[in-house]
Amino acid sequence: MSEATESGFSEARQRLLKARVTLIMALDSLLSVTFLVLATYIWYYAPGVSGKNGHDLFWFSILLGAYGLWRAIRSVIRYRQKRMEEGE
């Protein structure tokens, strides 16, 4: 009886961990997309700002977009490494 309870607890814990990993992946992806959308928004409206400030906003949008892409790539690599470690 104790073994059945422990195996049920173990299975429930594994399902909870998988759900948590899925939630973390979704939030990580959402954060990367947020950076990319914000960079696009700033890039689109930067030419409307006159002078040096518009030029600075343009470069800031490029850096922000690069950071969003870097986060996305890093997240994919981390997820693939975790799957390989689990042996899937």
C-alpha atoms as a PDB file:
ATOM      1  CA  MET A   1       0.000   0.000   0.000  1.00  0.00           C
ATOM      2  CA  SER A   2       2.829   2.370   0.833  1.00  0.00           C
ATOM      3  CA  GLU A   3       4.532   1.736  -2.506  1.00  0.00           C
ATOM      4  CA  ALA A   4       1.335   2.582  -4.388  1.00  0.00           C
ATOM      5  CA  THR A   5       0.981   5.840  -2.460  1.00  0.00           C
ATOM      6  CA  GLU A   6       4.605   6.767  -3.089  1.00  0.00           C
ATOM      7  CA  SER A   7       4.343   6.028  -6.814  1.00  0.00           C
ATOM      8  CA  GLY A   8       1.151   8.106  -7.029  1.00  0.00           C
ATOM      9  CA  PHE A   9       2.883  10.950  -5.226  1.00  0.00           C
ATOM     10  CA  SER A  10       5.889  10.644  -7.529  1.00  0.00           C
ATOM     11  CA  GLU A  11       3.705  10.756 -10.649  1.00  0.00           C
ATOM     12  CA  ALA A  12       1.814  13.776  -9.351  1.00  0.00           C
ATOM     13  CA  ARG A  13       5.071  15.535  -8.589  1.00  0.00           C
ATOM     14  CA  GLN A  14       6.398  14.832 -12.093  1.00  0.00           C
ATOM     15  CA  ARG A  15       3.213  16.229 -13.665  1.00  0.00           C
ATOM     16  CA  LEU A  16       3.494  19.335 -11.497  1.00  0.00           C
ATOM     17  CA  LEU A  17       7.137  19.836 -12.504  1.00  0.00           C
ATOM     18  CA  LYS A  18       6.269  19.454 -16.205  1.00  0.00           C
ATOM     19  CA  ALA A  19       3.465  21.993 -15.839  1.00  0.00           C
ATOM     20  CA  ARG A  20       5.852  24.370 -14.102  1.00  0.00           C
ATOM     21  CA  VAL A  21       8.454  24.007 -16.867  1.00  0.00           C
ATOM     22  CA  THR A  22       5.758  24.678 -19.465  1.00  0.00           C
ATOM     23  CA  LEU A  23       4.662  27.817 -17.607  1.00  0.00           C
ATOM     24  CA  ILE A  24       8.251  29.053 -17.340  1.00  0.00           C
ATOM     25  CA  MET A  25       8.784  28.446 -21.059  1.00  0.00           C
ATOM     26  CA  ALA A  26       5.613  30.363 -21.915  1.00  0.00           C
ATOM     27  CA  LEU A  27       6.586  33.317 -19.723  1.00  0.00           C
ATOM     28  CA  ASP A  28      10.102  33.328 -21.146  1.00  0.00           C
ATOM     29  CA  SER A  29       8.740  33.357 -24.690  1.00  0.00           C
ATOM     30  CA  LEU A  30       6.290  36.111 -23.833  1.00  0.00           C
ATOM     31  CA  LEU A  31       9.086  38.244 -22.414  1.00  0.00           C
ATOM     32  CA  SER A  32      11.173  37.794 -25.571  1.00  0.00           C
ATOM     33  CA  VAL A  33       8.211  38.746 -27.762  1.00  0.00           C
ATOM     34  CA  THR A  34       7.550  41.777 -25.547  1.00  0.00           C
ATOM     35  CA  PHE A  35      11.085  43.046 -26.152  1.00  0.00           C
ATOM     36  CA  LEU A  36      10.714  42.514 -29.895  1.00  0.00           C
ATOM     37  CA  VAL A  37       7.343  44.308 -30.055  1.00  0.00           C
ATOM     38  CA  LEU A  38       8.656  47.203 -27.974  1.00  0.00           C
ATOM     39  CA  ALA A  39      11.712  47.490 -30.222  1.00  0.00           C
ATOM     40  CA  THR A  40       9.489  47.535 -33.310  1.00  0.00           C
ATOM     41  CA  TYR A  41       7.266  50.195 -31.781  1.00  0.00           C
ATOM     42  CA  ILE A  42      10.220  52.433 -30.914  1.00  0.00           C
ATOM     43  CA  TRP A  43      11.819  51.839 -34.342  1.00  0.00           C
ATOM     44  CA  TYR A  44       8.589  52.801 -36.106  1.00  0.00           C
ATOM     45  CA  TYR A  45       8.179  56.089 -34.220  1.00  0.00           C
ATOM     46  CA  ALA A  46      11.861  57.075 -33.939  1.00  0.00           C
ATOM     47  CA  PRO A  47      11.997  58.926 -37.302  1.00  0.00           C
ATOM     48  CA  GLY A  48       9.211  61.214 -36.086  1.00  0.00           C
ATOM     49  CA  VAL A  49      11.428  62.552 -33.320  1.00  0.00           C
ATOM     50  CA  SER A  50      13.650  65.320 -34.574  1.00  0.00           C
ATOM     51  CA  GLY A  51      17.399  65.610 -34.226  1.00  0.00           C
ATOM     52  CA  LYS A  52      19.778  63.519 -32.206  1.00  0.00           C
ATOM     53  CA  ASN A  53      17.023  62.084 -30.015  1.00  0.00           C
ATOM     54  CA  GLY A  54      15.436  60.302 -32.985  1.00  0.00           C
ATOM     55  CA  HIS A  55      18.809  58.873 -33.956  1.00  0.00           C
ATOM     56  CA  ASP A  56      19.384  57.664 -30.392  1.00  0.00           C
ATOM     57  CA  LEU A  57      15.917  56.069 -30.269  1.00  0.00           C
ATOM     58  CA  PHE A  58      16.641  54.265 -33.532  1.00  0.00           C
ATOM     59  CA  TRP A  59      19.830  52.729 -32.119  1.00  0.00           C
ATOM     60  CA  PHE A  60      18.088  51.921 -28.838  1.00  0.00           C
ATOM     61  CA  SER A  61      15.393  50.035 -30.745  1.00  0.00           C
ATOM     62  CA  ILE A  62      18.061  48.004 -32.553  1.00  0.00           C
ATOM     63  CA  LEU A  63      19.723  47.085 -29.252  1.00  0.00           C
ATOM     64  CA  LEU A  64      16.382  46.226 -27.653  1.00  0.00           C
ATOM     65  CA  GLY A  65      15.446  43.995 -30.586  1.00  0.00           C
ATOM     66  CA  ALA A  66      18.834  42.274 -30.466  1.00  0.00           C
ATOM     67  CA  TYR A  67      18.314  41.582 -26.765  1.00  0.00           C
ATOM     68  CA  GLY A  68      14.884  40.097 -27.474  1.00  0.00           C
ATOM     69  CA  LEU A  69      16.355  37.807 -30.132  1.00  0.00           C
ATOM     70  CA  TRP A  70      19.210  36.804 -27.832  1.00  0.00           C
ATOM     71  CA  ARG A  71      16.732  35.909 -25.072  1.00  0.00           C
ATOM     72  CA  ALA A  72      14.668  33.821 -27.478  1.00  0.00           C
ATOM     73  CA  ILE A  73      17.687  31.915 -28.805  1.00  0.00           C
ATOM     74  CA  ARG A  74      19.067  31.363 -25.307  1.00  0.00           C
ATOM     75  CA  SER A  75      15.694  30.033 -24.132  1.00  0.00           C
ATOM     76  CA  VAL A  76      15.470  27.554 -27.015  1.00  0.00           C
ATOM     77  CA  ILE A  77      19.004  26.307 -26.359  1.00  0.00           C
ATOM     78  CA  ARG A  78      18.315  25.939 -22.627  1.00  0.00           C
ATOM     79  CA  TYR A  79      15.086  24.015 -23.298  1.00  0.00           C
ATOM     80  CA  ARG A  80      16.822  21.659 -25.748  1.00  0.00           C
ATOM     81  CA  GLN A  81      19.644  20.998 -23.282  1.00  0.00           C
ATOM     82  CA  LYS A  82      17.130  20.215 -20.554  1.00  0.00           C
ATOM     83  CA  ARG A  83      15.305  17.764 -22.852  1.00  0.00           C
ATOM     84  CA  MET A  84      18.596  16.061 -23.761  1.00  0.00           C
ATOM     85  CA  GLU A  85      19.517  15.712 -20.084  1.00  0.00           C
ATOM     86  CA  GLU A  86      16.156  14.111 -19.348  1.00  0.00           C
ATOM     87  CA  GLY A  87      16.727  11.650 -22.174  1.00  0.00           C
ATOM     88  CA  GLU A  88      13.655  12.440 -24.257  1.00  0.00           C
END
